[in-house]
Protein backbone atom coordinates (compact mmCIF):
# COMPACT_ATOMS: atom_id res chain seq x y z
CA MET A 1 88.46 151.03 72.56
CA PRO A 2 86.17 151.55 69.60
CA ILE A 3 82.43 152.04 70.05
CA HIS A 4 80.24 149.48 68.30
CA VAL A 5 76.63 150.19 67.34
CA ARG A 6 74.18 147.40 68.20
CA LEU A 7 71.19 148.94 66.42
CA ASN A 8 70.76 145.95 64.10
CA VAL A 9 70.57 143.64 67.11
CA MET A 10 67.99 145.83 68.85
CA LEU A 11 65.85 146.06 65.70
CA ALA A 12 65.92 142.29 65.28
CA GLU A 13 65.14 141.61 68.94
CA ARG A 14 62.12 143.88 68.76
CA SER A 15 61.03 142.91 65.23
CA VAL A 16 61.14 146.56 64.14
CA LYS A 17 61.62 147.63 60.53
CA SER A 18 64.28 150.22 59.76
CA LYS A 19 61.74 152.16 57.72
CA ASP A 20 59.41 152.54 60.71
CA LEU A 21 62.22 153.61 63.04
CA ALA A 22 63.61 156.13 60.54
CA GLU A 23 60.16 157.65 60.09
CA TYR A 24 59.61 157.96 63.86
CA VAL A 25 63.05 159.44 64.48
CA GLY A 26 62.83 161.83 61.54
CA ILE A 27 65.92 160.71 59.62
CA THR A 28 66.30 159.11 56.22
CA GLU A 29 66.57 155.35 55.85
CA ALA A 30 69.99 155.94 54.26
CA ASN A 31 71.25 157.76 57.37
CA LEU A 32 69.79 155.07 59.63
CA SER A 33 71.58 152.45 57.53
CA LEU A 34 74.88 154.28 57.98
CA LEU A 35 74.25 154.42 61.73
CA LYS A 36 73.45 150.69 61.85
CA GLN A 37 76.72 149.95 60.05
CA GLY A 38 78.71 152.12 62.44
CA LYS A 39 79.85 154.33 59.56
CA VAL A 40 79.04 157.63 61.27
CA LYS A 41 81.38 159.82 63.28
CA GLY A 42 78.68 160.93 65.70
CA VAL A 43 75.01 160.99 66.52
CA ARG A 44 72.92 163.80 67.96
CA PHE A 45 71.56 163.24 71.44
CA ASP A 46 68.01 164.02 70.29
CA THR A 47 68.34 161.36 67.56
CA LEU A 48 69.66 158.86 70.09
CA GLN A 49 66.83 159.76 72.47
CA ARG A 50 64.17 159.19 69.78
CA ILE A 51 65.70 155.83 68.85
CA CYS A 52 65.70 154.78 72.50
CA GLU A 53 62.09 155.93 72.94
CA TYR A 54 60.93 153.88 69.98
CA LEU A 55 62.92 150.78 70.89
CA GLN A 56 62.25 151.19 74.63
CA CYS A 57 65.91 150.86 75.52
CA GLN A 58 68.82 152.79 76.99
CA PRO A 59 71.72 154.33 75.01
CA GLY A 60 74.01 151.71 76.55
CA ASP A 61 71.92 149.01 74.88
CA LEU A 62 72.78 150.50 71.49
CA LEU A 63 76.40 151.57 71.95
CA VAL A 64 79.05 149.26 73.40
CA SER A 65 82.77 149.64 73.82
CA LYS A 66 84.90 146.69 72.72
CA PRO A 67 88.66 146.27 72.87
CA ASP A 68 90.42 146.82 69.55
CA SER A 69 92.28 143.67 68.44
CA SER A 70 95.29 145.84 67.56
CA GLU A 71 95.52 147.30 71.08
CA PRO A 72 97.98 145.59 73.43
CA VAL A 73 96.42 143.80 76.38
CA ALA A 74 97.70 145.08 79.72
């Protein structure tokens, strides 16, 4: 099951700009964009913690596991 990043959804729900979040977290807007697109292989726990602090959410609100369409259903 792949992990999907719901950061775009959380930003939209809270009317937060990527620029403001990136500045608070201490990462570049380019790296935040890659994270939003799910194009990263990992994320540091301290980065995830800062994102959750700013958005007032839990890590499970940002990362969800969804079945892969190519995986057989049991």
